[in-house]
């Protein structure tokens, strides 16, 4: 896709620390493949400037199913945004749009992980739970 180089930069800057960070090239290829096959979805946050769309946020999402009861949820896998435009009110508006999208797809909840204080504060202010943390412990080859 002609927009992949720009998308790649934004997505890479916001990737969660889930897999081995030394495999960035393979990881980005895997993400592109997942976007092209629909396993991941890419959403753009934009505003119109001089009758042209100006993207100031890129969100990658995926559907997750709860292992106990197969409940469908929407995972915000990564969120990249221009700090000038992703403020408290704009973030809340965006999250409400994502909730609408999730609801339209049969999801019960939005799920995300973050270490960014403003993101955590926004979720808390909107009534979301922020009590759990993502814990990782790498298993190294011997």
N, C-alpha and C. Protein backbone atom coordinates (compact mmCIF):
# COMPACT_ATOMS: atom_id res chain seq x y z
N UNK A 1 0.84 -1.19 0.00
CA UNK A 1 0.00 0.00 0.00
C UNK A 1 0.88 1.25 0.00
N UNK A 2 0.42 2.27 -0.67
CA UNK A 2 1.23 3.49 -0.75
C UNK A 2 1.32 4.22 0.58
N UNK A 3 0.40 3.96 1.49
CA UNK A 3 0.44 4.64 2.79
C UNK A 3 1.20 3.84 3.85
N UNK A 4 1.64 2.61 3.53
CA UNK A 4 2.31 1.78 4.53
C UNK A 4 3.53 2.45 5.16
N UNK A 5 4.42 3.13 4.42
CA UNK A 5 5.58 3.73 5.08
C UNK A 5 5.20 4.70 6.20
N UNK A 6 4.19 5.53 5.99
CA UNK A 6 3.75 6.46 7.04
C UNK A 6 3.06 5.73 8.18
N UNK A 7 2.18 4.79 7.81
CA UNK A 7 1.51 4.00 8.84
C UNK A 7 2.51 3.21 9.67
N UNK A 8 3.49 2.64 9.00
CA UNK A 8 4.50 1.84 9.68
C UNK A 8 5.22 2.66 10.75
N UNK A 9 5.61 3.87 10.42
CA UNK A 9 6.31 4.72 11.39
C UNK A 9 5.44 5.00 12.61
N UNK A 10 4.17 5.33 12.37
CA UNK A 10 3.27 5.63 13.48
C UNK A 10 3.00 4.39 14.33
N UNK A 11 2.74 3.28 13.68
CA UNK A 11 2.44 2.04 14.41
C UNK A 11 3.67 1.59 15.20
N UNK A 12 4.82 1.64 14.58
CA UNK A 12 6.06 1.20 15.24
C UNK A 12 6.36 2.04 16.47
N UNK A 13 6.07 3.34 16.39
CA UNK A 13 6.33 4.23 17.52
C UNK A 13 5.44 3.92 18.72
N UNK A 14 4.30 3.29 18.47
CA UNK A 14 3.33 3.06 19.54
C UNK A 14 3.15 1.60 19.92
N UNK A 15 3.99 0.73 19.38
CA UNK A 15 3.79 -0.69 19.63
C UNK A 15 3.94 -1.06 21.10
N UNK A 16 3.10 -1.96 21.56
CA UNK A 16 3.22 -2.44 22.93
C UNK A 16 4.40 -3.41 23.04
N UNK A 17 4.97 -3.51 24.21
CA UNK A 17 6.13 -4.38 24.40
C UNK A 17 5.75 -5.84 24.64
N UNK A 18 5.06 -6.44 23.66
CA UNK A 18 4.56 -7.80 23.87
C UNK A 18 5.51 -8.85 23.34
N UNK A 19 6.12 -8.60 22.21
CA UNK A 19 7.02 -9.60 21.65
C UNK A 19 8.45 -9.10 21.74
N UNK A 20 9.36 -9.91 21.30
CA UNK A 20 10.77 -9.60 21.37
C UNK A 20 11.07 -8.32 20.59
N UNK A 21 11.52 -7.24 21.27
CA UNK A 21 11.76 -5.97 20.57
C UNK A 21 12.91 -6.03 19.57
N UNK A 22 13.72 -7.07 19.61
CA UNK A 22 14.82 -7.17 18.65
C UNK A 22 14.34 -7.69 17.30
N UNK A 23 13.09 -8.12 17.22
CA UNK A 23 12.54 -8.65 15.97
C UNK A 23 11.63 -7.63 15.29
N UNK A 24 12.01 -6.36 15.33
CA UNK A 24 11.18 -5.28 14.82
C UNK A 24 10.85 -5.46 13.34
N UNK A 25 11.81 -5.84 12.50
CA UNK A 25 11.55 -5.99 11.07
C UNK A 25 10.50 -7.07 10.85
N UNK A 26 10.69 -8.23 11.43
CA UNK A 26 9.71 -9.30 11.29
C UNK A 26 8.37 -8.90 11.90
N UNK A 27 8.42 -8.20 13.01
CA UNK A 27 7.19 -7.79 13.68
C UNK A 27 6.37 -6.87 12.78
N UNK A 28 7.02 -5.92 12.14
CA UNK A 28 6.30 -5.00 11.27
C UNK A 28 5.76 -5.71 10.03
N UNK A 29 6.48 -6.68 9.52
CA UNK A 29 5.98 -7.49 8.40
C UNK A 29 4.75 -8.28 8.85
N UNK A 30 4.84 -8.84 10.05
CA UNK A 30 3.69 -9.58 10.60
C UNK A 30 2.49 -8.67 10.80
N UNK A 31 2.73 -7.44 11.27
CA UNK A 31 1.63 -6.50 11.47
C UNK A 31 1.01 -6.12 10.13
N UNK A 32 1.83 -5.86 9.12
CA UNK A 32 1.30 -5.54 7.79
C UNK A 32 0.45 -6.70 7.28
N UNK A 33 0.95 -7.91 7.39
CA UNK A 33 0.18 -9.08 6.95
C UNK A 33 -1.13 -9.19 7.71
N UNK A 34 -1.09 -8.94 9.01
CA UNK A 34 -2.30 -9.02 9.83
C UNK A 34 -3.31 -7.93 9.44
N UNK A 35 -2.81 -6.76 9.08
CA UNK A 35 -3.71 -5.69 8.61
C UNK A 35 -4.33 -6.07 7.27
N UNK A 36 -3.53 -6.61 6.38
CA UNK A 36 -4.02 -6.96 5.05
C UNK A 36 -5.01 -8.13 5.08
N UNK A 37 -4.86 -9.02 6.05
CA UNK A 37 -5.77 -10.17 6.15
C UNK A 37 -6.95 -9.93 7.08
N UNK A 38 -6.94 -8.79 7.77
CA UNK A 38 -8.07 -8.46 8.63
C UNK A 38 -7.96 -8.93 10.07
N UNK A 39 -6.83 -9.56 10.43
CA UNK A 39 -6.65 -9.95 11.84
C UNK A 39 -6.47 -8.72 12.72
N UNK A 40 -5.85 -7.68 12.16
CA UNK A 40 -5.74 -6.38 12.82
C UNK A 40 -6.49 -5.37 11.96
N UNK A 41 -6.98 -4.32 12.60
CA UNK A 41 -7.68 -3.25 11.88
C UNK A 41 -6.98 -1.94 12.18
N UNK A 42 -6.92 -1.05 11.21
CA UNK A 42 -6.29 0.25 11.37
C UNK A 42 -7.36 1.34 11.26
N UNK A 43 -7.39 2.22 12.24
CA UNK A 43 -8.33 3.33 12.26
C UNK A 43 -7.52 4.62 12.26
N UNK A 44 -8.01 5.63 11.59
CA UNK A 44 -7.34 6.91 11.52
C UNK A 44 -8.18 7.96 12.23
N UNK A 45 -7.52 8.75 13.06
CA UNK A 45 -8.17 9.90 13.70
C UNK A 45 -7.71 11.11 12.89
N UNK A 46 -8.67 11.85 12.38
CA UNK A 46 -8.28 12.96 11.51
C UNK A 46 -9.21 14.14 11.68
N UNK A 47 -8.76 15.27 11.15
CA UNK A 47 -9.60 16.45 11.04
C UNK A 47 -9.36 17.05 9.66
N UNK A 48 -10.29 17.84 9.22
CA UNK A 48 -10.16 18.46 7.90
C UNK A 48 -9.38 19.77 8.02
N UNK A 49 -8.36 19.92 7.17
CA UNK A 49 -7.56 21.14 7.10
C UNK A 49 -7.51 21.53 5.64
N UNK A 50 -8.06 22.71 5.32
CA UNK A 50 -8.12 23.18 3.93
C UNK A 50 -8.75 22.13 3.02
N UNK A 51 -9.87 21.56 3.46
CA UNK A 51 -10.62 20.56 2.71
C UNK A 51 -9.84 19.27 2.44
N UNK A 52 -8.80 19.03 3.21
CA UNK A 52 -8.01 17.80 3.09
C UNK A 52 -7.96 17.13 4.47
N UNK A 53 -8.04 15.80 4.51
CA UNK A 53 -7.94 15.13 5.81
C UNK A 53 -6.51 15.19 6.36
N UNK A 54 -6.38 15.58 7.62
CA UNK A 54 -5.09 15.61 8.30
C UNK A 54 -5.14 14.56 9.41
N UNK A 55 -4.39 13.49 9.24
CA UNK A 55 -4.38 12.41 10.22
C UNK A 55 -3.49 12.79 11.39
N UNK A 56 -4.04 12.74 12.59
CA UNK A 56 -3.23 13.03 13.77
C UNK A 56 -3.23 11.87 14.76
N UNK A 57 -3.82 10.75 14.36
CA UNK A 57 -3.79 9.58 15.20
C UNK A 57 -3.99 8.32 14.39
N UNK A 58 -3.28 7.27 14.76
CA UNK A 58 -3.40 5.96 14.11
C UNK A 58 -3.65 4.94 15.22
N UNK A 59 -4.70 4.16 15.07
CA UNK A 59 -5.07 3.18 16.08
C UNK A 59 -5.14 1.81 15.41
N UNK A 60 -4.49 0.84 16.01
CA UNK A 60 -4.55 -0.54 15.53
C UNK A 60 -5.34 -1.34 16.57
N UNK A 61 -6.35 -2.06 16.09
CA UNK A 61 -7.20 -2.83 16.99
C UNK A 61 -7.30 -4.28 16.51
N UNK A 62 -7.81 -5.11 17.41
CA UNK A 62 -8.07 -6.52 17.08
C UNK A 62 -9.20 -7.01 17.96
N UNK A 63 -9.94 -7.97 17.47
CA UNK A 63 -10.96 -8.61 18.29
C UNK A 63 -10.32 -9.70 19.13
N UNK A 64 -10.68 -9.74 20.38
CA UNK A 64 -10.22 -10.79 21.30
C UNK A 64 -11.43 -11.48 21.88
N UNK A 65 -11.29 -12.76 22.10
CA UNK A 65 -12.37 -13.53 22.73
C UNK A 65 -11.90 -14.02 24.08
N UNK A 66 -12.71 -13.78 25.09
CA UNK A 66 -12.42 -14.22 26.45
C UNK A 66 -12.37 -15.75 26.47
N UNK A 67 -11.35 -16.32 27.09
CA UNK A 67 -11.19 -17.76 27.07
C UNK A 67 -12.25 -18.50 27.89
N UNK A 68 -12.82 -17.86 28.89
CA UNK A 68 -13.83 -18.55 29.71
C UNK A 68 -15.18 -18.67 29.02
N UNK A 69 -15.61 -17.59 28.36
CA UNK A 69 -16.97 -17.61 27.84
C UNK A 69 -17.08 -17.12 26.39
N UNK A 70 -15.96 -16.97 25.72
CA UNK A 70 -15.92 -16.53 24.33
C UNK A 70 -16.50 -15.13 24.11
N UNK A 71 -16.56 -14.34 25.19
CA UNK A 71 -17.03 -12.95 25.06
C UNK A 71 -16.10 -12.18 24.13
N UNK A 72 -16.66 -11.47 23.17
CA UNK A 72 -15.87 -10.71 22.20
C UNK A 72 -15.58 -9.32 22.75
N UNK A 73 -14.31 -8.92 22.67
CA UNK A 73 -13.87 -7.60 23.11
C UNK A 73 -13.01 -6.97 22.03
N UNK A 74 -12.86 -5.66 22.08
CA UNK A 74 -12.00 -4.96 21.13
C UNK A 74 -10.74 -4.51 21.85
N UNK A 75 -9.61 -5.03 21.40
CA UNK A 75 -8.31 -4.65 21.95
C UNK A 75 -7.76 -3.46 21.18
N UNK A 76 -7.40 -2.42 21.88
CA UNK A 76 -6.64 -1.33 21.27
C UNK A 76 -5.19 -1.76 21.38
N UNK A 77 -4.66 -2.28 20.29
CA UNK A 77 -3.32 -2.87 20.26
C UNK A 77 -2.25 -1.78 20.30
N UNK A 78 -2.45 -0.72 19.55
CA UNK A 78 -1.53 0.42 19.61
C UNK A 78 -2.28 1.69 19.26
N UNK A 79 -1.82 2.77 19.85
CA UNK A 79 -2.43 4.09 19.62
C UNK A 79 -1.31 5.10 19.49
N UNK A 80 -1.24 5.70 18.33
CA UNK A 80 -0.26 6.76 18.08
C UNK A 80 -1.04 8.04 17.85
N UNK A 81 -0.66 9.10 18.55
CA UNK A 81 -1.37 10.35 18.35
C UNK A 81 -0.48 11.55 18.55
N UNK A 82 -0.78 12.61 17.83
CA UNK A 82 -0.06 13.87 17.97
C UNK A 82 -0.48 14.48 19.31
N UNK A 83 0.48 14.76 20.21
CA UNK A 83 0.12 15.24 21.55
C UNK A 83 -0.64 16.57 21.55
N UNK A 84 -0.49 17.36 20.51
CA UNK A 84 -1.21 18.63 20.43
C UNK A 84 -2.72 18.40 20.27
N UNK A 85 -3.09 17.30 19.63
CA UNK A 85 -4.50 17.05 19.33
C UNK A 85 -5.13 15.97 20.20
N UNK A 86 -4.33 15.08 20.76
CA UNK A 86 -4.88 14.02 21.62
C UNK A 86 -4.83 14.54 23.05
N UNK A 87 -5.81 15.35 23.39
CA UNK A 87 -5.91 15.92 24.73
C UNK A 87 -7.06 15.24 25.46
N UNK A 88 -7.34 15.66 26.68
CA UNK A 88 -8.38 15.04 27.48
C UNK A 88 -9.71 14.91 26.78
N UNK A 89 -10.25 16.00 26.27
CA UNK A 89 -11.56 15.98 25.61
C UNK A 89 -11.51 15.19 24.30
N UNK A 90 -10.47 15.41 23.51
CA UNK A 90 -10.35 14.69 22.24
C UNK A 90 -10.15 13.20 22.48
N UNK A 91 -9.40 12.85 23.51
CA UNK A 91 -9.18 11.43 23.83
C UNK A 91 -10.49 10.78 24.26
N UNK A 92 -11.27 11.48 25.08
CA UNK A 92 -12.57 10.94 25.52
C UNK A 92 -13.50 10.77 24.32
N UNK A 93 -13.51 11.74 23.42
CA UNK A 93 -14.35 11.65 22.22
C UNK A 93 -13.93 10.46 21.36
N UNK A 94 -12.61 10.28 21.20
CA UNK A 94 -12.10 9.15 20.44
C UNK A 94 -12.51 7.83 21.09
N UNK A 95 -12.33 7.73 22.39
CA UNK A 95 -12.68 6.49 23.09
C UNK A 95 -14.17 6.18 22.98
N UNK A 96 -15.00 7.21 23.02
CA UNK A 96 -16.43 6.99 22.83
C UNK A 96 -16.74 6.49 21.42
N UNK A 97 -16.02 7.00 20.42
CA UNK A 97 -16.19 6.50 19.05
C UNK A 97 -15.75 5.03 18.96
N UNK A 98 -14.66 4.70 19.63
CA UNK A 98 -14.20 3.31 19.62
C UNK A 98 -15.21 2.41 20.34
N UNK A 99 -15.83 2.91 21.40
CA UNK A 99 -16.87 2.14 22.08
C UNK A 99 -18.05 1.89 21.15
N UNK A 100 -18.44 2.90 20.38
CA UNK A 100 -19.54 2.74 19.41
C UNK A 100 -19.17 1.68 18.37
N UNK A 101 -17.94 1.74 17.86
CA UNK A 101 -17.49 0.77 16.88
C UNK A 101 -17.52 -0.64 17.49
N UNK A 102 -16.98 -0.77 18.70
CA UNK A 102 -16.94 -2.07 19.38
C UNK A 102 -18.36 -2.61 19.58
N UNK A 103 -19.26 -1.77 20.02
CA UNK A 103 -20.65 -2.18 20.24
C UNK A 103 -21.28 -2.65 18.93
N UNK A 104 -20.98 -1.93 17.83
CA UNK A 104 -21.56 -2.30 16.52
C UNK A 104 -21.05 -3.65 16.03
N UNK A 105 -19.92 -4.10 16.56
CA UNK A 105 -19.33 -5.38 16.16
C UNK A 105 -19.61 -6.48 17.18
N UNK A 106 -20.47 -6.21 18.14
CA UNK A 106 -20.85 -7.22 19.12
C UNK A 106 -19.89 -7.39 20.28
N UNK A 107 -19.03 -6.40 20.51
CA UNK A 107 -18.07 -6.48 21.61
C UNK A 107 -18.71 -6.02 22.92
N UNK A 108 -18.20 -6.57 24.01
CA UNK A 108 -18.69 -6.21 25.34
C UNK A 108 -17.82 -5.16 26.00
N UNK A 109 -16.55 -5.04 25.59
CA UNK A 109 -15.65 -4.09 26.25
C UNK A 109 -14.50 -3.70 25.32
N UNK A 110 -13.92 -2.54 25.63
CA UNK A 110 -12.65 -2.13 25.04
C UNK A 110 -11.56 -2.57 26.01
N UNK A 111 -10.46 -3.08 25.47
CA UNK A 111 -9.34 -3.50 26.30
C UNK A 111 -8.09 -2.81 25.75
N UNK A 112 -7.25 -2.33 26.64
CA UNK A 112 -6.00 -1.69 26.24
C UNK A 112 -5.00 -1.84 27.36
N UNK A 113 -3.74 -1.64 27.03
CA UNK A 113 -2.72 -1.57 28.06
C UNK A 113 -1.87 -0.36 27.74
N UNK A 114 -1.42 0.31 28.78
CA UNK A 114 -0.65 1.53 28.56
C UNK A 114 0.19 1.84 29.79
N UNK A 115 1.29 2.53 29.56
CA UNK A 115 2.11 3.05 30.65
C UNK A 115 2.11 4.57 30.61
N UNK A 116 1.26 5.16 29.78
CA UNK A 116 1.21 6.61 29.62
C UNK A 116 0.22 7.18 30.63
N UNK A 117 0.68 8.00 31.58
CA UNK A 117 -0.20 8.50 32.64
C UNK A 117 -1.47 9.17 32.13
N UNK A 118 -1.38 9.97 31.06
CA UNK A 118 -2.58 10.67 30.59
C UNK A 118 -3.62 9.69 30.04
N UNK A 119 -3.18 8.62 29.41
CA UNK A 119 -4.11 7.61 28.90
C UNK A 119 -4.79 6.91 30.08
N UNK A 120 -4.02 6.53 31.06
CA UNK A 120 -4.55 5.87 32.25
C UNK A 120 -5.55 6.78 32.97
N UNK A 121 -5.21 8.06 33.10
CA UNK A 121 -6.10 9.03 33.75
C UNK A 121 -7.41 9.18 32.97
N UNK A 122 -7.32 9.23 31.64
CA UNK A 122 -8.54 9.36 30.83
C UNK A 122 -9.46 8.16 31.00
N UNK A 123 -8.90 6.96 30.99
CA UNK A 123 -9.71 5.76 31.18
C UNK A 123 -10.36 5.78 32.55
N UNK A 124 -9.60 6.14 33.55
CA UNK A 124 -10.13 6.21 34.91
C UNK A 124 -11.25 7.25 35.01
N UNK A 125 -11.03 8.41 34.42
CA UNK A 125 -12.02 9.49 34.45
C UNK A 125 -13.31 9.08 33.75
N UNK A 126 -13.20 8.21 32.75
CA UNK A 126 -14.37 7.75 32.01
C UNK A 126 -15.06 6.56 32.70
N UNK A 127 -14.54 6.16 33.86
CA UNK A 127 -15.16 5.07 34.60
C UNK A 127 -14.59 3.70 34.30
N UNK A 128 -13.50 3.64 33.56
CA UNK A 128 -12.89 2.36 33.24
C UNK A 128 -11.97 1.87 34.36
N UNK A 129 -11.67 0.61 34.33
CA UNK A 129 -10.78 0.01 35.32
C UNK A 129 -9.33 0.17 34.87
N UNK A 130 -8.49 0.62 35.78
CA UNK A 130 -7.06 0.76 35.50
C UNK A 130 -6.23 0.04 36.57
N UNK A 131 -6.84 -0.89 37.26
CA UNK A 131 -6.16 -1.53 38.39
C UNK A 131 -5.17 -2.61 38.01
N UNK A 132 -5.26 -3.17 36.81
CA UNK A 132 -4.35 -4.24 36.42
C UNK A 132 -3.23 -3.70 35.56
N UNK A 133 -2.12 -4.38 35.57
CA UNK A 133 -0.97 -4.03 34.74
C UNK A 133 -0.58 -5.23 33.90
N UNK A 134 -0.03 -4.95 32.74
CA UNK A 134 0.51 -6.01 31.89
C UNK A 134 1.86 -6.42 32.47
N UNK A 135 2.02 -7.67 32.72
CA UNK A 135 3.28 -8.20 33.25
C UNK A 135 3.91 -9.10 32.20
N UNK A 136 5.18 -8.92 31.97
CA UNK A 136 5.87 -9.78 31.01
C UNK A 136 7.17 -10.26 31.62
N UNK A 137 7.53 -11.46 31.30
CA UNK A 137 8.80 -12.04 31.71
C UNK A 137 9.28 -12.86 30.52
N UNK A 138 10.35 -12.39 29.88
CA UNK A 138 10.84 -13.07 28.68
C UNK A 138 11.45 -14.41 29.04
N UNK A 139 11.23 -15.36 28.17
CA UNK A 139 11.81 -16.68 28.30
C UNK A 139 12.94 -16.74 27.29
N UNK A 140 14.15 -16.70 27.77
CA UNK A 140 15.30 -16.65 26.87
C UNK A 140 15.74 -18.05 26.47
N UNK A 141 16.25 -18.14 25.24
CA UNK A 141 16.82 -19.42 24.79
C UNK A 141 18.13 -19.64 25.53
N UNK A 142 18.39 -20.89 25.83
CA UNK A 142 19.65 -21.19 26.52
C UNK A 142 20.64 -21.79 25.58
